[in-house]
N, C-alpha and C. Protein backbone atom coordinates (compact mmCIF):
# COMPACT_ATOMS: atom_id res chain seq x y z
N MET A 1 -6.37 -144.12 108.13
CA MET A 1 -5.68 -144.24 109.39
C MET A 1 -4.58 -145.30 109.27
N SER A 2 -3.46 -144.99 109.84
CA SER A 2 -2.30 -145.88 109.75
C SER A 2 -2.24 -146.85 110.92
N ASP A 3 -1.73 -148.03 110.64
CA ASP A 3 -1.38 -148.98 111.68
C ASP A 3 0.09 -148.74 112.00
N ALA A 4 0.42 -148.68 113.27
CA ALA A 4 1.79 -148.35 113.67
C ALA A 4 2.56 -149.59 114.10
N ILE A 5 3.81 -149.62 113.69
CA ILE A 5 4.77 -150.59 114.18
C ILE A 5 5.57 -149.85 115.24
N HIS A 6 5.34 -150.20 116.50
CA HIS A 6 5.96 -149.49 117.61
C HIS A 6 7.34 -150.08 117.90
N LEU A 7 8.35 -149.22 117.91
CA LEU A 7 9.73 -149.65 118.15
C LEU A 7 10.31 -148.91 119.34
N THR A 8 11.01 -149.65 120.17
CA THR A 8 11.71 -149.05 121.31
C THR A 8 13.21 -149.14 121.07
N ALA A 9 13.96 -148.47 121.92
CA ALA A 9 15.42 -148.53 121.84
C ALA A 9 15.90 -149.98 122.00
N ASP A 10 15.21 -150.75 122.82
CA ASP A 10 15.58 -152.15 123.03
C ASP A 10 15.40 -152.95 121.73
N HIS A 11 14.28 -152.76 121.05
CA HIS A 11 14.07 -153.46 119.77
C HIS A 11 15.20 -153.11 118.80
N LEU A 12 15.50 -151.83 118.73
CA LEU A 12 16.51 -151.36 117.77
C LEU A 12 17.90 -151.87 118.11
N SER A 13 18.28 -151.78 119.37
CA SER A 13 19.64 -152.18 119.75
C SER A 13 19.85 -153.69 119.67
N ARG A 14 18.78 -154.46 119.80
CA ARG A 14 18.88 -155.92 119.72
C ARG A 14 18.53 -156.47 118.33
N LEU A 15 18.25 -155.55 117.39
CA LEU A 15 17.84 -155.94 116.04
C LEU A 15 16.63 -156.87 116.08
N ASN A 16 15.74 -156.61 117.01
CA ASN A 16 14.56 -157.43 117.26
C ASN A 16 13.43 -157.00 116.33
N LEU A 17 13.08 -157.87 115.41
CA LEU A 17 12.04 -157.58 114.43
C LEU A 17 10.65 -158.01 114.89
N ALA A 18 10.51 -158.44 116.13
CA ALA A 18 9.22 -158.93 116.62
C ALA A 18 8.06 -157.95 116.40
N PRO A 19 8.24 -156.65 116.61
CA PRO A 19 7.11 -155.75 116.36
C PRO A 19 6.66 -155.76 114.89
N ALA A 20 7.59 -155.87 113.98
CA ALA A 20 7.25 -155.93 112.56
C ALA A 20 6.60 -157.27 112.23
N HIS A 21 7.16 -158.36 112.76
CA HIS A 21 6.58 -159.68 112.52
C HIS A 21 5.12 -159.70 112.96
N ALA A 22 4.85 -159.15 114.15
CA ALA A 22 3.48 -159.13 114.67
C ALA A 22 2.56 -158.29 113.78
N ALA A 23 3.03 -157.14 113.37
CA ALA A 23 2.20 -156.24 112.55
C ALA A 23 1.94 -156.80 111.17
N LEU A 24 2.87 -157.62 110.67
CA LEU A 24 2.76 -158.13 109.30
C LEU A 24 2.22 -159.56 109.22
N ALA A 25 1.93 -160.17 110.36
CA ALA A 25 1.49 -161.57 110.37
C ALA A 25 0.25 -161.80 109.52
N LYS A 26 -0.75 -160.94 109.65
CA LYS A 26 -1.98 -161.10 108.88
C LYS A 26 -1.71 -160.93 107.39
N LEU A 27 -0.90 -159.96 107.06
CA LEU A 27 -0.55 -159.71 105.67
C LEU A 27 0.19 -160.90 105.07
N LEU A 28 1.09 -161.48 105.84
CA LEU A 28 1.86 -162.62 105.35
C LEU A 28 0.98 -163.85 105.15
N ALA A 29 -0.06 -163.99 105.99
CA ALA A 29 -0.94 -165.14 105.88
C ALA A 29 -1.75 -165.10 104.59
N GLN A 30 -2.16 -163.91 104.17
CA GLN A 30 -2.96 -163.76 102.96
C GLN A 30 -2.63 -162.42 102.31
N PRO A 31 -1.57 -162.38 101.50
CA PRO A 31 -1.16 -161.12 100.89
C PRO A 31 -2.25 -160.50 100.02
N THR A 32 -2.44 -159.22 100.18
CA THR A 32 -3.37 -158.43 99.38
C THR A 32 -2.84 -157.01 99.34
N LEU A 33 -3.27 -156.25 98.38
CA LEU A 33 -2.85 -154.85 98.33
C LEU A 33 -3.86 -153.95 99.02
N GLU A 34 -4.89 -154.52 99.62
CA GLU A 34 -5.92 -153.75 100.30
C GLU A 34 -5.69 -153.72 101.81
N GLN A 35 -4.50 -153.43 102.22
CA GLN A 35 -4.15 -153.39 103.64
C GLN A 35 -4.08 -151.95 104.12
N PRO A 36 -4.28 -151.73 105.42
CA PRO A 36 -4.11 -150.36 105.94
C PRO A 36 -2.66 -149.91 105.79
N ALA A 37 -2.49 -148.62 105.66
CA ALA A 37 -1.14 -148.05 105.53
C ALA A 37 -0.41 -148.17 106.86
N LEU A 38 0.87 -148.51 106.77
CA LEU A 38 1.69 -148.70 107.96
C LEU A 38 2.58 -147.49 108.21
N CYS A 39 2.85 -147.27 109.49
CA CYS A 39 3.83 -146.26 109.85
C CYS A 39 4.67 -146.81 111.00
N PHE A 40 5.74 -146.12 111.32
CA PHE A 40 6.63 -146.52 112.41
C PHE A 40 6.53 -145.50 113.53
N ASP A 41 6.35 -146.00 114.73
CA ASP A 41 6.34 -145.19 115.94
C ASP A 41 7.63 -145.55 116.67
N ILE A 42 8.63 -144.68 116.56
CA ILE A 42 9.97 -144.99 117.07
C ILE A 42 10.26 -144.20 118.34
N GLU A 43 10.50 -144.93 119.41
CA GLU A 43 10.91 -144.33 120.68
C GLU A 43 12.40 -144.60 120.86
N PHE A 44 13.19 -143.61 120.59
CA PHE A 44 14.63 -143.76 120.72
C PHE A 44 15.16 -142.52 121.43
N PRO A 45 15.65 -142.69 122.65
CA PRO A 45 16.12 -141.51 123.40
C PRO A 45 17.35 -140.89 122.75
N GLN A 46 17.31 -139.56 122.62
CA GLN A 46 18.43 -138.83 122.05
C GLN A 46 18.82 -137.69 122.97
N ASP A 47 20.09 -137.43 123.01
CA ASP A 47 20.59 -136.26 123.71
C ASP A 47 20.03 -135.04 123.00
N PRO A 48 19.44 -134.09 123.74
CA PRO A 48 18.85 -132.91 123.08
C PRO A 48 19.85 -132.10 122.27
N THR A 49 21.14 -132.27 122.55
CA THR A 49 22.16 -131.53 121.80
C THR A 49 22.60 -132.29 120.54
N ASP A 50 22.09 -133.52 120.36
CA ASP A 50 22.44 -134.33 119.19
C ASP A 50 21.55 -133.89 118.02
N PRO A 51 22.14 -133.30 116.99
CA PRO A 51 21.32 -132.77 115.88
C PRO A 51 20.90 -133.83 114.86
N ARG A 52 21.32 -135.06 115.02
CA ARG A 52 21.04 -136.09 114.01
C ARG A 52 19.56 -136.46 113.96
N GLU A 53 19.11 -136.74 112.75
CA GLU A 53 17.79 -137.33 112.54
C GLU A 53 17.89 -138.81 112.88
N LEU A 54 16.76 -139.46 113.14
CA LEU A 54 16.79 -140.89 113.44
C LEU A 54 17.48 -141.70 112.35
N SER A 55 17.28 -141.29 111.11
CA SER A 55 17.88 -142.03 109.99
C SER A 55 19.40 -141.89 109.94
N GLU A 56 19.96 -141.05 110.78
CA GLU A 56 21.42 -140.88 110.82
C GLU A 56 22.05 -141.60 112.00
N ILE A 57 21.24 -142.29 112.78
CA ILE A 57 21.74 -143.00 113.96
C ILE A 57 21.97 -144.47 113.56
N PRO A 58 23.21 -144.94 113.71
CA PRO A 58 23.55 -146.29 113.23
C PRO A 58 22.64 -147.41 113.74
N GLU A 59 22.27 -147.39 115.02
CA GLU A 59 21.42 -148.46 115.57
C GLU A 59 20.05 -148.49 114.89
N VAL A 60 19.53 -147.33 114.58
CA VAL A 60 18.22 -147.25 113.93
C VAL A 60 18.33 -147.72 112.48
N ARG A 61 19.34 -147.23 111.80
CA ARG A 61 19.52 -147.63 110.39
C ARG A 61 19.75 -149.13 110.25
N LEU A 62 20.55 -149.70 111.14
CA LEU A 62 20.85 -151.13 111.06
C LEU A 62 19.58 -151.96 111.24
N TRP A 63 18.69 -151.54 112.15
CA TRP A 63 17.43 -152.24 112.34
C TRP A 63 16.61 -152.21 111.04
N PHE A 64 16.55 -151.06 110.40
CA PHE A 64 15.78 -150.93 109.17
C PHE A 64 16.42 -151.72 108.02
N ILE A 65 17.73 -151.80 107.99
CA ILE A 65 18.39 -152.62 106.97
C ILE A 65 18.00 -154.09 107.16
N ARG A 66 17.99 -154.54 108.40
CA ARG A 66 17.58 -155.92 108.69
C ARG A 66 16.11 -156.13 108.31
N LEU A 67 15.26 -155.18 108.68
CA LEU A 67 13.84 -155.27 108.33
C LEU A 67 13.67 -155.38 106.82
N ASP A 68 14.36 -154.53 106.09
CA ASP A 68 14.24 -154.52 104.63
C ASP A 68 14.72 -155.83 104.02
N SER A 69 15.70 -156.47 104.61
CA SER A 69 16.16 -157.74 104.07
C SER A 69 15.12 -158.85 104.28
N HIS A 70 14.31 -158.73 105.33
CA HIS A 70 13.25 -159.70 105.58
C HIS A 70 11.98 -159.41 104.77
N TYR A 71 11.67 -158.13 104.60
CA TYR A 71 10.43 -157.72 103.94
C TYR A 71 10.72 -156.66 102.88
N PRO A 72 11.35 -157.03 101.79
CA PRO A 72 11.70 -156.02 100.78
C PRO A 72 10.49 -155.36 100.12
N TRP A 73 9.33 -155.97 100.23
CA TRP A 73 8.08 -155.45 99.67
C TRP A 73 7.37 -154.49 100.62
N LEU A 74 7.85 -154.34 101.83
CA LEU A 74 7.18 -153.52 102.84
C LEU A 74 6.86 -152.09 102.39
N PRO A 75 7.71 -151.44 101.60
CA PRO A 75 7.37 -150.06 101.18
C PRO A 75 6.01 -149.93 100.49
N LEU A 76 5.52 -151.01 99.88
CA LEU A 76 4.20 -150.96 99.25
C LEU A 76 3.10 -150.66 100.27
N TYR A 77 3.33 -151.01 101.52
CA TYR A 77 2.30 -150.92 102.55
C TYR A 77 2.48 -149.75 103.51
N LEU A 78 3.45 -148.92 103.25
CA LEU A 78 3.67 -147.77 104.12
C LEU A 78 2.68 -146.66 103.82
N ASP A 79 2.46 -145.80 104.79
CA ASP A 79 1.58 -144.64 104.63
C ASP A 79 2.37 -143.56 103.90
N TRP A 80 2.29 -143.57 102.58
CA TRP A 80 3.07 -142.65 101.76
C TRP A 80 2.65 -141.21 102.02
N GLU A 81 1.36 -140.98 102.19
CA GLU A 81 0.87 -139.61 102.41
C GLU A 81 1.41 -139.00 103.70
N ALA A 82 1.72 -139.84 104.67
CA ALA A 82 2.27 -139.35 105.93
C ALA A 82 3.79 -139.24 105.89
N GLY A 83 4.40 -139.51 104.73
CA GLY A 83 5.84 -139.39 104.59
C GLY A 83 6.62 -140.62 104.98
N GLU A 84 5.93 -141.74 105.21
CA GLU A 84 6.63 -142.95 105.67
C GLU A 84 7.53 -143.56 104.59
N LEU A 85 7.17 -143.42 103.33
CA LEU A 85 8.04 -143.95 102.27
C LEU A 85 9.35 -143.19 102.24
N ALA A 86 9.28 -141.87 102.34
CA ALA A 86 10.51 -141.05 102.35
C ALA A 86 11.36 -141.36 103.57
N ARG A 87 10.71 -141.52 104.72
CA ARG A 87 11.46 -141.81 105.95
C ARG A 87 12.10 -143.20 105.89
N TYR A 88 11.34 -144.18 105.40
CA TYR A 88 11.87 -145.54 105.27
C TYR A 88 13.06 -145.54 104.31
N THR A 89 12.91 -144.85 103.20
CA THR A 89 14.00 -144.76 102.22
C THR A 89 15.23 -144.11 102.83
N ALA A 90 15.03 -143.08 103.64
CA ALA A 90 16.15 -142.40 104.30
C ALA A 90 16.90 -143.33 105.25
N MET A 91 16.20 -144.32 105.79
CA MET A 91 16.86 -145.28 106.68
C MET A 91 17.82 -146.17 105.90
N LEU A 92 17.59 -146.30 104.59
CA LEU A 92 18.37 -147.24 103.78
C LEU A 92 19.29 -146.60 102.76
N VAL A 93 19.05 -145.34 102.43
CA VAL A 93 19.82 -144.68 101.38
C VAL A 93 20.58 -143.50 101.97
N PRO A 94 21.88 -143.42 101.71
CA PRO A 94 22.65 -142.26 102.19
C PRO A 94 22.01 -140.96 101.71
N HIS A 95 21.99 -139.98 102.59
CA HIS A 95 21.32 -138.72 102.28
C HIS A 95 21.87 -137.60 103.15
N GLN A 96 21.44 -136.41 102.83
CA GLN A 96 21.70 -135.24 103.67
C GLN A 96 20.36 -134.60 103.93
N PHE A 97 20.27 -133.92 105.05
CA PHE A 97 19.03 -133.23 105.38
C PHE A 97 19.27 -131.74 105.33
N SER A 98 18.38 -131.05 104.63
CA SER A 98 18.46 -129.60 104.52
C SER A 98 17.17 -129.01 105.08
N PRO A 99 17.27 -128.02 105.96
CA PRO A 99 16.04 -127.39 106.47
C PRO A 99 15.19 -126.78 105.36
N VAL A 100 15.83 -126.39 104.28
CA VAL A 100 15.10 -125.77 103.16
C VAL A 100 14.56 -126.82 102.20
N ASP A 101 15.42 -127.78 101.80
CA ASP A 101 15.05 -128.76 100.78
C ASP A 101 14.55 -130.09 101.34
N GLY A 102 14.69 -130.31 102.63
CA GLY A 102 14.31 -131.60 103.22
C GLY A 102 15.37 -132.65 102.93
N ILE A 103 14.92 -133.88 102.74
CA ILE A 103 15.84 -134.99 102.49
C ILE A 103 16.36 -134.91 101.06
N ARG A 104 17.69 -134.98 100.94
CA ARG A 104 18.34 -135.03 99.62
C ARG A 104 19.16 -136.32 99.59
N TYR A 105 18.61 -137.31 98.89
CA TYR A 105 19.26 -138.61 98.80
C TYR A 105 20.48 -138.53 97.88
N ASN A 106 21.46 -139.39 98.15
CA ASN A 106 22.57 -139.56 97.24
C ASN A 106 21.99 -140.12 95.95
N PRO A 107 22.13 -139.42 94.82
CA PRO A 107 21.44 -139.84 93.58
C PRO A 107 21.78 -141.25 93.11
N GLU A 108 23.05 -141.64 93.14
CA GLU A 108 23.44 -142.97 92.68
C GLU A 108 22.89 -144.04 93.62
N ALA A 109 22.98 -143.78 94.92
CA ALA A 109 22.47 -144.76 95.90
C ALA A 109 20.96 -144.89 95.77
N LEU A 110 20.26 -143.79 95.54
CA LEU A 110 18.81 -143.85 95.37
C LEU A 110 18.44 -144.65 94.12
N GLU A 111 19.17 -144.45 93.04
CA GLU A 111 18.89 -145.19 91.82
C GLU A 111 19.05 -146.69 92.03
N ILE A 112 20.11 -147.09 92.72
CA ILE A 112 20.34 -148.51 93.01
C ILE A 112 19.22 -149.04 93.91
N TYR A 113 18.86 -148.28 94.92
CA TYR A 113 17.79 -148.68 95.84
C TYR A 113 16.47 -148.86 95.09
N VAL A 114 16.11 -147.89 94.26
CA VAL A 114 14.84 -147.95 93.53
C VAL A 114 14.82 -149.18 92.62
N MET A 115 15.89 -149.42 91.88
CA MET A 115 15.90 -150.57 90.98
C MET A 115 15.87 -151.89 91.76
N ALA A 116 16.57 -151.96 92.88
CA ALA A 116 16.51 -153.17 93.72
C ALA A 116 15.08 -153.39 94.21
N LYS A 117 14.40 -152.32 94.59
CA LYS A 117 13.00 -152.43 95.03
C LYS A 117 12.11 -152.89 93.88
N VAL A 118 12.33 -152.34 92.70
CA VAL A 118 11.51 -152.74 91.55
C VAL A 118 11.64 -154.24 91.33
N PHE A 119 12.87 -154.75 91.33
CA PHE A 119 13.07 -156.17 91.07
C PHE A 119 12.49 -157.04 92.18
N SER A 120 12.75 -156.70 93.43
CA SER A 120 12.27 -157.55 94.53
C SER A 120 10.76 -157.45 94.71
N VAL A 121 10.20 -156.26 94.60
CA VAL A 121 8.75 -156.09 94.77
C VAL A 121 8.00 -156.73 93.60
N HIS A 122 8.51 -156.54 92.39
CA HIS A 122 7.87 -157.16 91.23
C HIS A 122 7.84 -158.67 91.39
N HIS A 123 8.94 -159.25 91.82
CA HIS A 123 9.00 -160.70 92.05
C HIS A 123 7.99 -161.11 93.11
N TRP A 124 7.93 -160.39 94.22
CA TRP A 124 7.00 -160.71 95.31
C TRP A 124 5.55 -160.63 94.84
N LEU A 125 5.23 -159.62 94.04
CA LEU A 125 3.87 -159.48 93.51
C LEU A 125 3.51 -160.69 92.63
N ARG A 126 4.44 -161.10 91.79
CA ARG A 126 4.18 -162.24 90.90
C ARG A 126 4.02 -163.53 91.69
N VAL A 127 4.90 -163.76 92.66
CA VAL A 127 4.83 -164.97 93.47
C VAL A 127 3.50 -165.05 94.21
N ASN A 128 2.99 -163.91 94.64
CA ASN A 128 1.74 -163.87 95.39
C ASN A 128 0.52 -163.59 94.52
N ASP A 129 0.72 -163.62 93.20
CA ASP A 129 -0.36 -163.43 92.23
C ASP A 129 -1.16 -162.15 92.52
N LEU A 130 -0.43 -161.06 92.73
CA LEU A 130 -1.05 -159.76 93.00
C LEU A 130 -0.81 -158.82 91.83
N ASP A 131 -1.83 -158.08 91.47
CA ASP A 131 -1.72 -157.10 90.40
C ASP A 131 -1.38 -155.74 91.02
N GLY A 132 -0.12 -155.54 91.30
CA GLY A 132 0.30 -154.32 91.96
C GLY A 132 1.27 -153.49 91.15
N LEU A 133 1.30 -153.72 89.85
CA LEU A 133 2.24 -153.00 89.00
C LEU A 133 2.04 -151.49 89.07
N ASN A 134 0.79 -151.04 89.06
CA ASN A 134 0.54 -149.60 89.16
C ASN A 134 1.02 -149.05 90.50
N ARG A 135 0.79 -149.80 91.56
CA ARG A 135 1.25 -149.35 92.89
C ARG A 135 2.78 -149.28 92.91
N LEU A 136 3.44 -150.25 92.33
CA LEU A 136 4.90 -150.24 92.26
C LEU A 136 5.39 -149.02 91.47
N LYS A 137 4.74 -148.74 90.35
CA LYS A 137 5.12 -147.58 89.56
C LYS A 137 4.87 -146.27 90.33
N GLN A 138 3.78 -146.20 91.08
CA GLN A 138 3.51 -145.02 91.91
C GLN A 138 4.59 -144.84 92.96
N MET A 139 5.03 -145.96 93.54
CA MET A 139 6.07 -145.91 94.56
C MET A 139 7.36 -145.32 93.97
N THR A 140 7.75 -145.77 92.79
CA THR A 140 8.97 -145.25 92.18
C THR A 140 8.81 -143.79 91.80
N GLN A 141 7.61 -143.40 91.37
CA GLN A 141 7.35 -141.99 91.05
C GLN A 141 7.50 -141.11 92.27
N MET A 142 7.05 -141.61 93.42
CA MET A 142 7.19 -140.83 94.66
C MET A 142 8.66 -140.61 95.01
N LEU A 143 9.51 -141.50 94.53
CA LEU A 143 10.94 -141.37 94.79
C LEU A 143 11.66 -140.68 93.63
N GLY A 144 10.88 -140.19 92.66
CA GLY A 144 11.45 -139.39 91.58
C GLY A 144 11.81 -140.14 90.32
N TYR A 145 11.30 -141.35 90.15
CA TYR A 145 11.64 -142.16 88.97
C TYR A 145 10.39 -142.53 88.19
N GLU A 146 10.48 -142.35 86.90
CA GLU A 146 9.40 -142.73 85.98
C GLU A 146 9.89 -143.95 85.23
N LEU A 147 9.21 -145.09 85.41
CA LEU A 147 9.64 -146.32 84.77
C LEU A 147 8.81 -146.61 83.53
N ASP A 148 9.48 -147.03 82.50
CA ASP A 148 8.83 -147.42 81.26
C ASP A 148 8.25 -148.82 81.42
N ASP A 149 7.09 -149.04 80.86
CA ASP A 149 6.46 -150.36 80.94
C ASP A 149 7.32 -151.44 80.29
N GLY A 150 8.19 -151.06 79.36
CA GLY A 150 9.08 -152.03 78.72
C GLY A 150 9.97 -152.74 79.73
N LEU A 151 10.35 -152.05 80.80
CA LEU A 151 11.18 -152.69 81.83
C LEU A 151 10.45 -153.89 82.41
N PHE A 152 9.16 -153.73 82.69
CA PHE A 152 8.40 -154.80 83.30
C PHE A 152 8.21 -155.97 82.33
N GLY A 153 8.23 -155.68 81.03
CA GLY A 153 8.17 -156.74 80.03
C GLY A 153 9.42 -157.62 80.07
N LEU A 154 10.54 -157.03 80.47
CA LEU A 154 11.78 -157.80 80.59
C LEU A 154 11.77 -158.73 81.80
N LEU A 155 10.99 -158.35 82.78
CA LEU A 155 10.97 -159.13 84.03
C LEU A 155 10.00 -160.30 83.91
């Protein structure tokens, strides 16, 4: 079962990270990889004629960019099975949506995003003395990247 970070249009328009801060307070106090999976419950009113996905709305994307700058390790704790990693990534990486293929990320932007995540998450794991290398590798695999262990030897 996922724990939800509930967001309203007010949170998004004001770049208010309070819902995330509250949801992550326990995790920040004592980091562990044994936390419940997180998801986002986003209430953002849209005109029914607006075909855009939430990840294509500037106010929503900007909030997620701010969130990611505060908690770059957050993807480790998302409910991947529920599609939260893909949705979170879509908030940060340019993409197109196809009814047939789903989300198609810009390949170069996705590569930069994945490598930035590898570096920041690896650093966070080391600082917090957590053995999450396998989880980090699983995360990159879910985004289509297979990392060689030699890369982690360089870090």
